[in-house]
Structures are given as structure tokens and as C-alpha cells.
Amino acid sequence: METTRYSDKDLQDFKSIIENKIVKAKSDLELIKSAYMNNGNNGTEDTSPTFKAFEEGSETMSKEANTQLAIRQEKFVRDLKSALIRIQNKTYGICRVTGKLINKKRLELVPHATLSIEAKNLQK
């Protein structure tokens, strides 16, 4: 029985898409981390205490939001790196549920996808 997989050329194309996404994702992660590290001294020392309390409250919120963003971004980078390993193993683009090839357009949009739309819909 012949295994269904993407051609080496297709895999190379996907590899460059993924590598570009990793570079961008890492750059985005650095931005998120620097925003998180920058404690945002927005010069509110001389303003009213009430405003300062609001400012600190929103700073806490944005730190939590930034932390969540950073966690999601780190997972995205890990998922993309896992996709590169699947390319090396020549298992990239094969749905882990159905065993069929994942649509090329889907992989171009979500290059770390491991499920076909068909399998994704079964999960709902």
C-alpha cells in the first residue's frame, strides 16, 4: 500500500513558509516580552491618586494580558518547530485522525495544523 504524503518539493515550500513564520513569531514574542518588562512609567506620579489607582489597575490587567499573549506565542513557536520535525520525517500534512492529506490551502494558512477540516469538525 502506497503512503499518501506531500512531495519533497511541497515539503520544501511548507518548510520555508514555516521558517518565515517562526522568525516573525519570535520577533512578536520579543515585542510582547519587552512590553511586559517595560513597567510603563507613564509619568503619572504628579497626577491625582485616583488616576494613579486606575493606571495601576490597567497596568496589572495589561501585564496579565501580555503574559497570556506570551504563553500563546511561545506555544505557537513550539507548534511551528514541531511542524518542521514532521517535514523532516515526511509526515507533515497528514491528518493525525483520518490519515488523509490536509488541504494545501489550510496548511498555507495554518502551517502547524495536524488535523484536516473533516477531523476538526468531528471534534465539535
PDB file of N, CA and C in Angstrom:
ATOM      1  N   MET A   1       0.845  -1.201   0.000  1.00  0.00           N
ATOM      2  CA  MET A   1       0.000   0.000   0.000  1.00  0.00           C
ATOM      3  C   MET A   1       0.880   1.250   0.000  1.00  0.00           C
ATOM      4  N   GLU A   2       0.561   2.153  -0.895  1.00  0.00           N
ATOM      5  CA  GLU A   2       1.353   3.379  -1.027  1.00  0.00           C
ATOM      6  C   GLU A   2       0.897   4.407   0.012  1.00  0.00           C
ATOM      7  N   THR A   3       1.881   4.989   0.717  1.00  0.00           N
ATOM      8  CA  THR A   3       1.510   6.019   1.693  1.00  0.00           C
ATOM      9  C   THR A   3       1.286   7.337   0.973  1.00  0.00           C
ATOM     10  N   THR A   4       0.295   8.043   1.439  1.00  0.00           N
ATOM     11  CA  THR A   4      -0.020   9.331   0.862  1.00  0.00           C
ATOM     12  C   THR A   4       0.725  10.396   1.645  1.00  0.00           C
ATOM     13  N   ARG A   5       1.526  11.183   0.932  1.00  0.00           N
ATOM     14  CA  ARG A   5       2.226  12.284   1.585  1.00  0.00           C
ATOM     15  C   ARG A   5       2.502  13.364   0.557  1.00  0.00           C
ATOM     16  N   TYR A   6       2.906  14.524   1.057  1.00  0.00           N
ATOM     17  CA  TYR A   6       3.260  15.608   0.150  1.00  0.00           C
ATOM     18  C   TYR A   6       4.629  15.339  -0.449  1.00  0.00           C
ATOM     19  N   SER A   7       4.829  15.820  -1.679  1.00  0.00           N
ATOM     20  CA  SER A   7       6.112  15.624  -2.367  1.00  0.00           C
ATOM     21  C   SER A   7       7.209  16.394  -1.643  1.00  0.00           C
ATOM     22  N   ASP A   8       8.453  16.021  -1.915  1.00  0.00           N
ATOM     23  CA  ASP A   8       9.582  16.712  -1.299  1.00  0.00           C
ATOM     24  C   ASP A   8       9.563  18.202  -1.643  1.00  0.00           C
ATOM     25  N   LYS A   9       9.153  18.526  -2.872  1.00  0.00           N
ATOM     26  CA  LYS A   9       9.082  19.939  -3.271  1.00  0.00           C
ATOM     27  C   LYS A   9       8.037  20.667  -2.437  1.00  0.00           C
ATOM     28  N   ASP A  10       6.860  20.052  -2.275  1.00  0.00           N
ATOM     29  CA  ASP A  10       5.818  20.653  -1.435  1.00  0.00           C
ATOM     30  C   ASP A  10       6.338  20.853  -0.013  1.00  0.00           C
ATOM     31  N   LEU A  11       7.018  19.834   0.504  1.00  0.00           N
ATOM     32  CA  LEU A  11       7.544  19.912   1.866  1.00  0.00           C
ATOM     33  C   LEU A  11       8.546  21.058   1.992  1.00  0.00           C
ATOM     34  N   GLN A  12       9.386  21.254   0.958  1.00  0.00           N
ATOM     35  CA  GLN A  12      10.335  22.375   0.972  1.00  0.00           C
ATOM     36  C   GLN A  12       9.590  23.709   0.998  1.00  0.00           C
ATOM     37  N   ASP A  13       8.520  23.804   0.199  1.00  0.00           N
ATOM     38  CA  ASP A  13       7.711  25.038   0.169  1.00  0.00           C
ATOM     39  C   ASP A  13       7.119  25.312   1.553  1.00  0.00           C
ATOM     40  N   PHE A  14       6.558  24.276   2.163  1.00  0.00           N
ATOM     41  CA  PHE A  14       5.972  24.438   3.500  1.00  0.00           C
ATOM     42  C   PHE A  14       7.051  24.809   4.512  1.00  0.00           C
ATOM     43  N   LYS A  15       8.237  24.212   4.341  1.00  0.00           N
ATOM     44  CA  LYS A  15       9.337  24.483   5.266  1.00  0.00           C
ATOM     45  C   LYS A  15       9.691  25.969   5.248  1.00  0.00           C
ATOM     46  N   SER A  16       9.752  26.559   4.063  1.00  0.00           N
ATOM     47  CA  SER A  16      10.106  27.995   4.017  1.00  0.00           C
ATOM     48  C   SER A  16       8.990  28.860   4.589  1.00  0.00           C
ATOM     49  N   ILE A  17       7.728  28.473   4.367  1.00  0.00           N
ATOM     50  CA  ILE A  17       6.595  29.209   4.966  1.00  0.00           C
ATOM     51  C   ILE A  17       6.733  29.163   6.493  1.00  0.00           C
ATOM     52  N   ILE A  18       6.987  27.969   7.022  1.00  0.00           N
ATOM     53  CA  ILE A  18       7.077  27.784   8.474  1.00  0.00           C
ATOM     54  C   ILE A  18       8.274  28.538   9.047  1.00  0.00           C
ATOM     55  N   GLU A  19       9.422  28.451   8.379  1.00  0.00           N
ATOM     56  CA  GLU A  19      10.610  29.151   8.878  1.00  0.00           C
ATOM     57  C   GLU A  19      10.371  30.658   8.939  1.00  0.00           C
ATOM     58  N   ASN A  20       9.696  31.212   7.922  1.00  0.00           N
ATOM     59  CA  ASN A  20       9.363  32.648   7.936  1.00  0.00           C
ATOM     60  C   ASN A  20       8.426  32.968   9.092  1.00  0.00           C
ATOM     61  N   LYS A  21       7.453  32.083   9.320  1.00  0.00           N
ATOM     62  CA  LYS A  21       6.506  32.307  10.424  1.00  0.00           C
ATOM     63  C   LYS A  21       7.208  32.237  11.776  1.00  0.00           C
ATOM     64  N   ILE A  22       8.196  31.353  11.904  1.00  0.00           N
ATOM     65  CA  ILE A  22       8.939  31.245  13.169  1.00  0.00           C
ATOM     66  C   ILE A  22       9.696  32.545  13.436  1.00  0.00           C
ATOM     67  N   VAL A  23      10.348  33.077  12.407  1.00  0.00           N
ATOM     68  CA  VAL A  23      11.092  34.335  12.569  1.00  0.00           C
ATOM     69  C   VAL A  23      10.147  35.436  13.034  1.00  0.00           C
ATOM     70  N   LYS A  24       8.984  35.554  12.371  1.00  0.00           N
ATOM     71  CA  LYS A  24       8.014  36.587  12.736  1.00  0.00           C
ATOM     72  C   LYS A  24       7.452  36.336  14.139  1.00  0.00           C
ATOM     73  N   ALA A  25       7.131  35.084  14.444  1.00  0.00           N
ATOM     74  CA  ALA A  25       6.555  34.747  15.753  1.00  0.00           C
ATOM     75  C   ALA A  25       7.544  35.062  16.872  1.00  0.00           C
ATOM     76  N   LYS A  26       8.824  34.767  16.649  1.00  0.00           N
ATOM     77  CA  LYS A  26       9.834  35.061  17.673  1.00  0.00           C
ATOM     78  C   LYS A  26       9.993  36.562  17.856  1.00  0.00           C
ATOM     79  N   SER A  27       9.917  37.286  16.755  1.00  0.00           N
ATOM     80  CA  SER A  27      10.009  38.747  16.822  1.00  0.00           C
ATOM     81  C   SER A  27       8.804  39.312  17.581  1.00  0.00           C
ATOM     82  N   ASP A  28       7.620  38.786  17.291  1.00  0.00           N
ATOM     83  CA  ASP A  28       6.406  39.210  18.009  1.00  0.00           C
ATOM     84  C   ASP A  28       6.518  38.890  19.497  1.00  0.00           C
ATOM     85  N   LEU A  29       7.086  37.723  19.800  1.00  0.00           N
ATOM     86  CA  LEU A  29       7.255  37.311  21.195  1.00  0.00           C
ATOM     87  C   LEU A  29       8.182  38.288  21.925  1.00  0.00           C
ATOM     88  N   GLU A  30       9.246  38.707  21.260  1.00  0.00           N
ATOM     89  CA  GLU A  30      10.168  39.675  21.869  1.00  0.00           C
ATOM     90  C   GLU A  30       9.444  40.997  22.153  1.00  0.00           C
ATOM     91  N   LEU A  31       8.592  41.423  21.219  1.00  0.00           N
ATOM     92  CA  LEU A  31       7.813  42.653  21.419  1.00  0.00           C
ATOM     93  C   LEU A  31       6.898  42.518  22.631  1.00  0.00           C
ATOM     94  N   ILE A  32       6.219  41.389  22.724  1.00  0.00           N
ATOM     95  CA  ILE A  32       5.311  41.148  23.848  1.00  0.00           C
ATOM     96  C   ILE A  32       6.096  41.165  25.155  1.00  0.00           C
ATOM     97  N   LYS A  33       7.242  40.466  25.158  1.00  0.00           N
ATOM     98  CA  LYS A  33       8.058  40.406  26.376  1.00  0.00           C
ATOM     99  C   LYS A  33       8.602  41.774  26.754  1.00  0.00           C
ATOM    100  N   SER A  34       9.014  42.564  25.759  1.00  0.00           N
ATOM    101  CA  SER A  34       9.552  43.886  26.098  1.00  0.00           C
ATOM    102  C   SER A  34       8.440  44.794  26.611  1.00  0.00           C
ATOM    103  N   ALA A  35       7.235  44.638  26.079  1.00  0.00           N
ATOM    104  CA  ALA A  35       6.095  45.420  26.583  1.00  0.00           C
ATOM    105  C   ALA A  35       5.803  45.012  28.023  1.00  0.00           C
ATOM    106  N   TYR A  36       5.947  43.715  28.296  1.00  0.00           N
ATOM    107  CA  TYR A  36       5.705  43.208  29.648  1.00  0.00           C
ATOM    108  C   TYR A  36       6.779  43.709  30.614  1.00  0.00           C
ATOM    109  N   MET A  37       8.033  43.691  30.154  1.00  0.00           N
ATOM    110  CA  MET A  37       9.144  44.111  31.012  1.00  0.00           C
ATOM    111  C   MET A  37       9.116  45.614  31.285  1.00  0.00           C
ATOM    112  N   ASN A  38       8.676  46.369  30.290  1.00  0.00           N
ATOM    113  CA  ASN A  38       8.603  47.820  30.445  1.00  0.00           C
ATOM    114  C   ASN A  38       7.454  48.110  31.395  1.00  0.00           C
ATOM    115  N   ASN A  39       7.780  48.480  32.609  1.00  0.00           N
ATOM    116  CA  ASN A  39       6.743  48.670  33.620  1.00  0.00           C
ATOM    117  C   ASN A  39       5.911  49.913  33.377  1.00  0.00           C
ATOM    118  N   GLY A  40       6.108  50.523  32.232  1.00  0.00           N
ATOM    119  CA  GLY A  40       5.235  51.612  31.821  1.00  0.00           C
ATOM    120  C   GLY A  40       5.226  52.780  32.774  1.00  0.00           C
ATOM    121  N   ASN A  41       6.364  53.353  33.008  1.00  0.00           N
ATOM    122  CA  ASN A  41       6.399  54.582  33.796  1.00  0.00           C
ATOM    123  C   ASN A  41       5.843  55.692  32.912  1.00  0.00           C
ATOM    124  N   ASN A  42       4.554  55.892  32.999  1.00  0.00           N
ATOM    125  CA  ASN A  42       3.885  56.837  32.108  1.00  0.00           C
ATOM    126  C   ASN A  42       3.801  58.236  32.689  1.00  0.00           C
ATOM    127  N   GLY A  43       4.631  58.509  33.667  1.00  0.00           N
ATOM    128  CA  GLY A  43       4.657  59.857  34.234  1.00  0.00           C
ATOM    129  C   GLY A  43       3.400  60.230  34.977  1.00  0.00           C
ATOM    130  N   THR A  44       2.829  59.315  35.740  1.00  0.00           N
ATOM    131  CA  THR A  44       1.593  59.624  36.479  1.00  0.00           C
ATOM    132  C   THR A  44       1.882  60.023  37.924  1.00  0.00           C
ATOM    133  N   GLU A  45       3.152  60.170  38.285  1.00  0.00           N
ATOM    134  CA  GLU A  45       3.499  60.460  39.682  1.00  0.00           C
ATOM    135  C   GLU A  45       2.844  61.743  40.188  1.00  0.00           C
ATOM    136  N   ASP A  46       2.761  62.741  39.335  1.00  0.00           N
ATOM    137  CA  ASP A  46       2.250  64.034  39.798  1.00  0.00           C
ATOM    138  C   ASP A  46       0.753  64.203  39.556  1.00  0.00           C
ATOM    139  N   THR A  47       0.086  63.165  39.085  1.00  0.00           N
ATOM    140  CA  THR A  47      -1.359  63.284  38.850  1.00  0.00           C
ATOM    141  C   THR A  47      -2.116  62.795  40.076  1.00  0.00           C
ATOM    142  N   SER A  48      -3.399  62.948  40.044  1.00  0.00           N
ATOM    143  CA  SER A  48      -4.221  62.622  41.220  1.00  0.00           C
ATOM    144  C   SER A  48      -4.100  61.151  41.607  1.00  0.00           C
ATOM    145  N   PRO A  49      -4.199  60.836  42.912  1.00  0.00           N
ATOM    146  CA  PRO A  49      -4.094  59.447  43.384  1.00  0.00           C
ATOM    147  C   PRO A  49      -5.148  58.543  42.755  1.00  0.00           C
ATOM    148  N   THR A  50      -6.337  59.071  42.482  1.00  0.00           N
ATOM    149  CA  THR A  50      -7.393  58.256  41.880  1.00  0.00           C
ATOM    150  C   THR A  50      -6.959  57.776  40.510  1.00  0.00           C
ATOM    151  N   PHE A  51      -6.427  58.711  39.720  1.00  0.00           N
ATOM    152  CA  PHE A  51      -5.983  58.343  38.375  1.00  0.00           C
ATOM    153  C   PHE A  51      -4.869  57.307  38.472  1.00  0.00           C
ATOM    154  N   LYS A  52      -3.971  57.492  39.441  1.00  0.00           N
ATOM    155  CA  LYS A  52      -2.853  56.564  39.624  1.00  0.00           C
ATOM    156  C   LYS A  52      -3.384  55.154  39.931  1.00  0.00           C
ATOM    157  N   ALA A  53      -4.430  55.054  40.743  1.00  0.00           N
ATOM    158  CA  ALA A  53      -5.019  53.750  41.063  1.00  0.00           C
ATOM    159  C   ALA A  53      -5.579  53.093  39.811  1.00  0.00           C
ATOM    160  N   PHE A  54      -6.280  53.890  38.982  1.00  0.00           N
ATOM    161  CA  PHE A  54      -6.806  53.360  37.718  1.00  0.00           C
ATOM    162  C   PHE A  54      -5.653  52.893  36.832  1.00  0.00           C
ATOM    163  N   GLU A  55      -4.633  53.704  36.779  1.00  0.00           N
ATOM    164  CA  GLU A  55      -3.458  53.407  35.959  1.00  0.00           C
ATOM    165  C   GLU A  55      -2.825  52.081  36.396  1.00  0.00           C
ATOM    166  N   GLU A  56      -2.659  51.899  37.712  1.00  0.00           N
ATOM    167  CA  GLU A  56      -2.052  50.665  38.220  1.00  0.00           C
ATOM    168  C   GLU A  56      -2.949  49.463  37.944  1.00  0.00           C
ATOM    169  N   GLY A  57      -4.258  49.663  38.056  1.00  0.00           N
ATOM    170  CA  GLY A  57      -5.204  48.582  37.762  1.00  0.00           C
ATOM    171  C   GLY A  57      -5.102  48.145  36.319  1.00  0.00           C
ATOM    172  N   SER A  58      -5.038  49.108  35.407  1.00  0.00           N
ATOM    173  CA  SER A  58      -4.963  48.746  33.991  1.00  0.00           C
ATOM    174  C   SER A  58      -3.598  48.173  33.665  1.00  0.00           C
ATOM    175  N   GLU A  59      -2.571  48.602  34.414  1.00  0.00           N
ATOM    176  CA  GLU A  59      -1.229  48.051  34.202  1.00  0.00           C
ATOM    177  C   GLU A  59      -1.219  46.569  34.576  1.00  0.00           C
ATOM    178  N   THR A  60      -1.895  46.231  35.685  1.00  0.00           N
ATOM    179  CA  THR A  60      -1.985  44.836  36.104  1.00  0.00           C
ATOM    180  C   THR A  60      -2.724  44.027  35.054  1.00  0.00           C
ATOM    181  N   MET A  61      -3.832  44.569  34.564  1.00  0.00           N
ATOM    182  CA  MET A  61      -4.607  43.894  33.519  1.00  0.00           C
ATOM    183  C   MET A  61      -3.747  43.659  32.288  1.00  0.00           C
ATOM    184  N   SER A  62      -3.021  44.700  31.859  1.00  0.00           N
ATOM    185  CA  SER A  62      -2.252  44.533  30.635  1.00  0.00           C
ATOM    186  C   SER A  62      -1.078  43.582  30.851  1.00  0.00           C
ATOM    187  N   LYS A  63      -0.545  43.528  32.076  1.00  0.00           N
ATOM    188  CA  LYS A  63       0.528  42.552  32.355  1.00  0.00           C
ATOM    189  C   LYS A  63      -0.031  41.133  32.236  1.00  0.00           C
ATOM    190  N   GLU A  64      -1.233  40.925  32.780  1.00  0.00           N
ATOM    191  CA  GLU A  64      -1.857  39.596  32.681  1.00  0.00           C
ATOM    192  C   GLU A  64      -2.142  39.252  31.221  1.00  0.00           C
ATOM    193  N   ALA A  65      -2.655  40.227  30.491  1.00  0.00           N
ATOM    194  CA  ALA A  65      -2.952  40.010  29.068  1.00  0.00           C
ATOM    195  C   ALA A  65      -1.662  39.711  28.311  1.00  0.00           C
ATOM    196  N   ASN A  66      -0.610  40.464  28.617  1.00  0.00           N
ATOM    197  CA  ASN A  66       0.679  40.240  27.954  1.00  0.00           C
ATOM    198  C   ASN A  66       1.245  38.866  28.284  1.00  0.00           C
ATOM    199  N   THR A  67       1.070  38.442  29.534  1.00  0.00           N
ATOM    200  CA  THR A  67       1.554  37.122  29.926  1.00  0.00           C
ATOM    201  C   THR A  67       0.826  36.051  29.121  1.00  0.00           C
ATOM    202  N   GLN A  68      -0.500  36.185  29.016  1.00  0.00           N
ATOM    203  CA  GLN A  68      -1.287  35.232  28.231  1.00  0.00           C
ATOM    204  C   GLN A  68      -0.849  35.234  26.767  1.00  0.00           C
ATOM    205  N   LEU A  69      -0.636  36.439  26.225  1.00  0.00           N
ATOM    206  CA  LEU A  69      -0.175  36.547  24.839  1.00  0.00           C
ATOM    207  C   LEU A  69       1.174  35.863  24.665  1.00  0.00           C
ATOM    208  N   ALA A  70       2.081  36.097  25.609  1.00  0.00           N
ATOM    209  CA  ALA A  70       3.416  35.497  25.531  1.00  0.00           C
ATOM    210  C   ALA A  70       3.326  33.978  25.570  1.00  0.00           C
ATOM    211  N   ILE A  71       2.476  33.449  26.451  1.00  0.00           N
ATOM    212  CA  ILE A  71       2.307  31.994  26.562  1.00  0.00           C
ATOM    213  C   ILE A  71       1.774  31.415  25.251  1.00  0.00           C
ATOM    214  N   ARG A  72       0.768  32.083  24.687  1.00  0.00           N
ATOM    215  CA  ARG A  72       0.198  31.621  23.409  1.00  0.00           C
ATOM    216  C   ARG A  72       1.245  31.684  22.295  1.00  0.00           C
ATOM    217  N   GLN A  73       2.028  32.766  22.283  1.00  0.00           N
ATOM    218  CA  GLN A  73       3.039  32.947  21.252  1.00  0.00           C
ATOM    219  C   GLN A  73       4.138  31.880  21.369  1.00  0.00           C
ATOM    220  N   GLU A  74       4.539  31.560  22.609  1.00  0.00           N
ATOM    221  CA  GLU A  74       5.555  30.518  22.815  1.00  0.00           C
ATOM    222  C   GLU A  74       5.036  29.163  22.333  1.00  0.00           C
ATOM    223  N   LYS A  75       3.758  28.887  22.594  1.00  0.00           N
ATOM    224  CA  LYS A  75       3.151  27.634  22.132  1.00  0.00           C
ATOM    225  C   LYS A  75       3.131  27.604  20.600  1.00  0.00           C
ATOM    226  N   PHE A  76       2.803  28.741  19.973  1.00  0.00           N
ATOM    227  CA  PHE A  76       2.777  28.852  18.516  1.00  0.00           C
ATOM    228  C   PHE A  76       4.160  28.516  17.938  1.00  0.00           C
ATOM    229  N   VAL A  77       5.213  29.076  18.532  1.00  0.00           N
ATOM    230  CA  VAL A  77       6.581  28.809  18.068  1.00  0.00           C
ATOM    231  C   VAL A  77       6.898  27.313  18.222  1.00  0.00           C
ATOM    232  N   ARG A  78       6.522  26.728  19.368  1.00  0.00           N
ATOM    233  CA  ARG A  78       6.747  25.285  19.581  1.00  0.00           C
ATOM    234  C   ARG A  78       6.001  24.463  18.533  1.00  0.00           C
ATOM    235  N   ASP A  79       4.748  24.828  18.267  1.00  0.00           N
ATOM    236  CA  ASP A  79       3.952  24.098  17.274  1.00  0.00           C
ATOM    237  C   ASP A  79       4.586  24.182  15.889  1.00  0.00           C
ATOM    238  N   LEU A  80       5.108  25.368  15.550  1.00  0.00           N
ATOM    239  CA  LEU A  80       5.761  25.539  14.251  1.00  0.00           C
ATOM    240  C   LEU A  80       7.039  24.682  14.175  1.00  0.00           C
ATOM    241  N   LYS A  81       7.792  24.644  15.280  1.00  0.00           N
ATOM    242  CA  LYS A  81       9.015  23.828  15.300  1.00  0.00           C
ATOM    243  C   LYS A  81       8.666  22.339  15.176  1.00  0.00           C
ATOM    244  N   SER A  82       7.564  21.940  15.787  1.00  0.00           N
ATOM    245  CA  SER A  82       7.112  20.543  15.656  1.00  0.00           C
ATOM    246  C   SER A  82       6.750  20.241  14.209  1.00  0.00           C
ATOM    247  N   ALA A  83       6.169  21.219  13.529  1.00  0.00           N
ATOM    248  CA  ALA A  83       5.819  21.045  12.117  1.00  0.00           C
ATOM    249  C   ALA A  83       7.090  20.823  11.284  1.00  0.00           C
ATOM    250  N   LEU A  84       8.173  21.532  11.632  1.00  0.00           N
ATOM    251  CA  LEU A  84       9.445  21.332  10.914  1.00  0.00           C
ATOM    252  C   LEU A  84       9.961  19.900  11.103  1.00  0.00           C
ATOM    253  N   ILE A  85       9.768  19.365  12.308  1.00  0.00           N
ATOM    254  CA  ILE A  85      10.188  17.974  12.568  1.00  0.00           C
ATOM    255  C   ILE A  85       9.356  17.024  11.711  1.00  0.00           C
ATOM    256  N   ARG A  86       8.052  17.297  11.604  1.00  0.00           N
ATOM    257  CA  ARG A  86       7.188  16.447  10.764  1.00  0.00           C
ATOM    258  C   ARG A  86       7.614  16.534   9.297  1.00  0.00           C
ATOM    259  N   ILE A  87       8.088  17.694   8.871  1.00  0.00           N
ATOM    260  CA  ILE A  87       8.583  17.823   7.491  1.00  0.00           C
ATOM    261  C   ILE A  87       9.809  16.922   7.323  1.00  0.00           C
ATOM    262  N   GLN A  88      10.719  16.966   8.293  1.00  0.00           N
ATOM    263  CA  GLN A  88      11.916  16.112   8.249  1.00  0.00           C
ATOM    264  C   GLN A  88      11.531  14.641   8.175  1.00  0.00           C
ATOM    265  N   ASN A  89      10.529  14.265   8.953  1.00  0.00           N
ATOM    266  CA  ASN A  89      10.084  12.858   8.997  1.00  0.00           C
ATOM    267  C   ASN A  89       9.178  12.507   7.812  1.00  0.00           C
ATOM    268  N   LYS A  90       8.867  13.493   7.009  1.00  0.00           N
ATOM    269  CA  LYS A  90       7.978  13.347   5.837  1.00  0.00           C
ATOM    270  C   LYS A  90       6.559  12.916   6.244  1.00  0.00           C
ATOM    271  N   THR A  91       6.159  13.309   7.464  1.00  0.00           N
ATOM    272  CA  THR A  91       4.787  13.030   7.915  1.00  0.00           C
ATOM    273  C   THR A  91       3.970  14.318   7.948  1.00  0.00           C
ATOM    274  N   TYR A  92       4.577  15.416   7.507  1.00  0.00           N
ATOM    275  CA  TYR A  92       3.899  16.714   7.551  1.00  0.00           C
ATOM    276  C   TYR A  92       2.682  16.713   6.629  1.00  0.00           C
ATOM    277  N   GLY A  93       1.602  17.321   7.116  1.00  0.00           N
ATOM    278  CA  GLY A  93       0.411  17.495   6.285  1.00  0.00           C
ATOM    279  C   GLY A  93      -0.514  16.300   6.264  1.00  0.00           C
ATOM    280  N   ILE A  94      -0.205  15.313   7.084  1.00  0.00           N
ATOM    281  CA  ILE A  94      -1.078  14.138   7.168  1.00  0.00           C
ATOM    282  C   ILE A  94      -1.916  14.275   8.441  1.00  0.00           C
ATOM    283  N   CYS A  95      -3.225  14.226   8.284  1.00  0.00           N
ATOM    284  CA  CYS A  95      -4.139  14.373   9.421  1.00  0.00           C
ATOM    285  C   CYS A  95      -3.907  13.244  10.415  1.00  0.00           C
ATOM    286  N   ARG A  96      -3.753  13.619  11.696  1.00  0.00           N
ATOM    287  CA  ARG A  96      -3.471  12.587  12.711  1.00  0.00           C
ATOM    288  C   ARG A  96      -4.711  11.779  13.080  1.00  0.00           C
ATOM    289  N   VAL A  97      -5.883  12.181  12.589  1.00  0.00           N
ATOM    290  CA  VAL A  97      -7.099  11.414  12.876  1.00  0.00           C
ATOM    291  C   VAL A  97      -7.496  10.557  11.678  1.00  0.00           C
ATOM    292  N   THR A  98      -7.587  11.188  10.507  1.00  0.00           N
ATOM    293  CA  THR A  98      -8.074  10.467   9.322  1.00  0.00           C
ATOM    294  C   THR A  98      -6.950   9.797   8.530  1.00  0.00           C
ATOM    295  N   GLY A  99      -5.706  10.279   8.700  1.00  0.00           N
ATOM    296  CA  GLY A  99      -4.591   9.731   7.920  1.00  0.00           C
ATOM    297  C   GLY A  99      -4.547  10.257   6.495  1.00  0.00           C
ATOM    298  N   LYS A 100      -5.488  11.151   6.168  1.00  0.00           N
ATOM    299  CA  LYS A 100      -5.526  11.727   4.817  1.00  0.00           C
ATOM    300  C   LYS A 100      -4.705  13.014   4.796  1.00  0.00           C
ATOM    301  N   LEU A 101      -4.390  13.457   3.579  1.00  0.00           N
ATOM    302  CA  LEU A 101      -3.652  14.715   3.460  1.00  0.00           C
ATOM    303  C   LEU A 101      -4.535  15.887   3.865  1.00  0.00           C
ATOM    304  N   ILE A 102      -3.936  16.811   4.605  1.00  0.00           N
ATOM    305  CA  ILE A 102      -4.630  18.050   4.980  1.00  0.00           C
ATOM    306  C   ILE A 102      -4.560  18.965   3.763  1.00  0.00           C
ATOM    307  N   ASN A 103      -5.662  19.628   3.480  1.00  0.00           N
ATOM    308  CA  ASN A 103      -5.744  20.530   2.330  1.00  0.00           C
ATOM    309  C   ASN A 103      -4.584  21.532   2.325  1.00  0.00           C
ATOM    310  N   LYS A 104      -3.985  21.720   1.133  1.00  0.00           N
ATOM    311  CA  LYS A 104      -2.829  22.617   0.989  1.00  0.00           C
ATOM    312  C   LYS A 104      -3.129  24.042   1.436  1.00  0.00           C
ATOM    313  N   LYS A 105      -4.316  24.533   1.073  1.00  0.00           N
ATOM    314  CA  LYS A 105      -4.699  25.911   1.449  1.00  0.00           C
ATOM    315  C   LYS A 105      -4.748  26.045   2.970  1.00  0.00           C
ATOM    316  N   ARG A 106      -5.270  25.026   3.638  1.00  0.00           N
ATOM    317  CA  ARG A 106      -5.333  25.046   5.113  1.00  0.00           C
ATOM    318  C   ARG A 106      -3.924  25.113   5.694  1.00  0.00           C
ATOM    319  N   LEU A 107      -3.026  24.318   5.133  1.00  0.00           N
ATOM    320  CA  LEU A 107      -1.653  24.305   5.641  1.00  0.00           C
ATOM    321  C   LEU A 107      -0.931  25.627   5.374  1.00  0.00           C
ATOM    322  N   GLU A 108      -1.284  26.280   4.274  1.00  0.00           N
ATOM    323  CA  GLU A 108      -0.665  27.581   3.997  1.00  0.00           C
ATOM    324  C   GLU A 108      -1.122  28.616   5.030  1.00  0.00           C
ATOM    325  N   LEU A 109      -2.382  28.515   5.439  1.00  0.00           N
ATOM    326  CA  LEU A 109      -2.925  29.448   6.434  1.00  0.00           C
ATOM    327  C   LEU A 109      -2.553  29.050   7.860  1.00  0.00           C
ATOM    328  N   VAL A 110      -2.585  27.752   8.135  1.00  0.00           N
ATOM    329  CA  VAL A 110      -2.278  27.236   9.478  1.00  0.00           C
ATOM    330  C   VAL A 110      -1.210  26.147   9.319  1.00  0.00           C
ATOM    331  N   PRO A 111       0.049  26.563   9.099  1.00  0.00           N
ATOM    332  CA  PRO A 111       1.077  25.583   8.753  1.00  0.00           C
ATOM    333  C   PRO A 111       1.401  24.570   9.845  1.00  0.00           C
ATOM    334  N   HIS A 112       0.941  24.810  11.073  1.00  0.00           N
ATOM    335  CA  HIS A 112       1.202  23.847  12.143  1.00  0.00           C
ATOM    336  C   HIS A 112       0.016  22.909  12.369  1.00  0.00           C
ATOM    337  N   ALA A 113      -0.977  22.965  11.477  1.00  0.00           N
ATOM    338  CA  ALA A 113      -2.181  22.133  11.618  1.00  0.00           C
ATOM    339  C   ALA A 113      -1.819  20.644  11.567  1.00  0.00           C
ATOM    340  N   THR A 114      -2.465  19.876  12.433  1.00  0.00           N
ATOM    341  CA  THR A 114      -2.276  18.418  12.420  1.00  0.00           C
ATOM    342  C   THR A 114      -3.597  17.701  12.157  1.00  0.00           C
ATOM    343  N   LEU A 115      -4.651  18.498  11.988  1.00  0.00           N
ATOM    344  CA  LEU A 115      -5.978  17.930  11.712  1.00  0.00           C
ATOM    345  C   LEU A 115      -6.535  18.498  10.415  1.00  0.00           C
ATOM    346  N   SER A 116      -7.193  17.646   9.645  1.00  0.00           N
ATOM    347  CA  SER A 116      -7.912  18.128   8.472  1.00  0.00           C
ATOM    348  C   SER A 116      -9.186  18.812   8.967  1.00  0.00           C
ATOM    349  N   ILE A 117      -9.802  19.577   8.099  1.00  0.00           N
ATOM    350  CA  ILE A 117     -11.078  20.234   8.463  1.00  0.00           C
ATOM    351  C   ILE A 117     -12.094  19.161   8.874  1.00  0.00           C
ATOM    352  N   GLU A 118     -12.094  18.073   8.133  1.00  0.00           N
ATOM    353  CA  GLU A 118     -13.011  16.953   8.416  1.00  0.00           C
ATOM    354  C   GLU A 118     -12.848  16.473   9.867  1.00  0.00           C
ATOM    355  N   ALA A 119     -11.593  16.240  10.281  1.00  0.00           N
ATOM    356  CA  ALA A 119     -11.328  15.759  11.646  1.00  0.00           C
ATOM    357  C   ALA A 119     -11.649  16.848  12.668  1.00  0.00           C
ATOM    358  N   LYS A 120     -11.339  18.088  12.317  1.00  0.00           N
ATOM    359  CA  LYS A 120     -11.608  19.222  13.221  1.00  0.00           C
ATOM    360  C   LYS A 120     -13.110  19.313  13.491  1.00  0.00           C
ATOM    361  N   ASN A 121     -13.909  19.158  12.455  1.00  0.00           N
ATOM    362  CA  ASN A 121     -15.369  19.216  12.608  1.00  0.00           C
ATOM    363  C   ASN A 121     -15.910  18.064  13.453  1.00  0.00           C
ATOM    364  N   LEU A 122     -15.240  16.928  13.415  1.00  0.00           N
ATOM    365  CA  LEU A 122     -15.650  15.771  14.223  1.00  0.00           C
ATOM    366  C   LEU A 122     -15.475  16.057  15.708  1.00  0.00           C
ATOM    367  N   GLN A 123     -14.529  16.938  16.044  1.00  0.00           N
ATOM    368  CA  GLN A 123     -14.246  17.257  17.447  1.00  0.00           C
ATOM    369  C   GLN A 123     -15.347  18.087  18.082  1.00  0.00           C
ATOM    370  N   LYS A 124     -16.118  18.784  17.279  1.00  0.00           N
ATOM    371  CA  LYS A 124     -17.125  19.716  17.831  1.00  0.00           C
ATOM    372  C   LYS A 124     -18.272  18.989  18.460  1.00  0.00           C
TER     373      LYS A 124
END
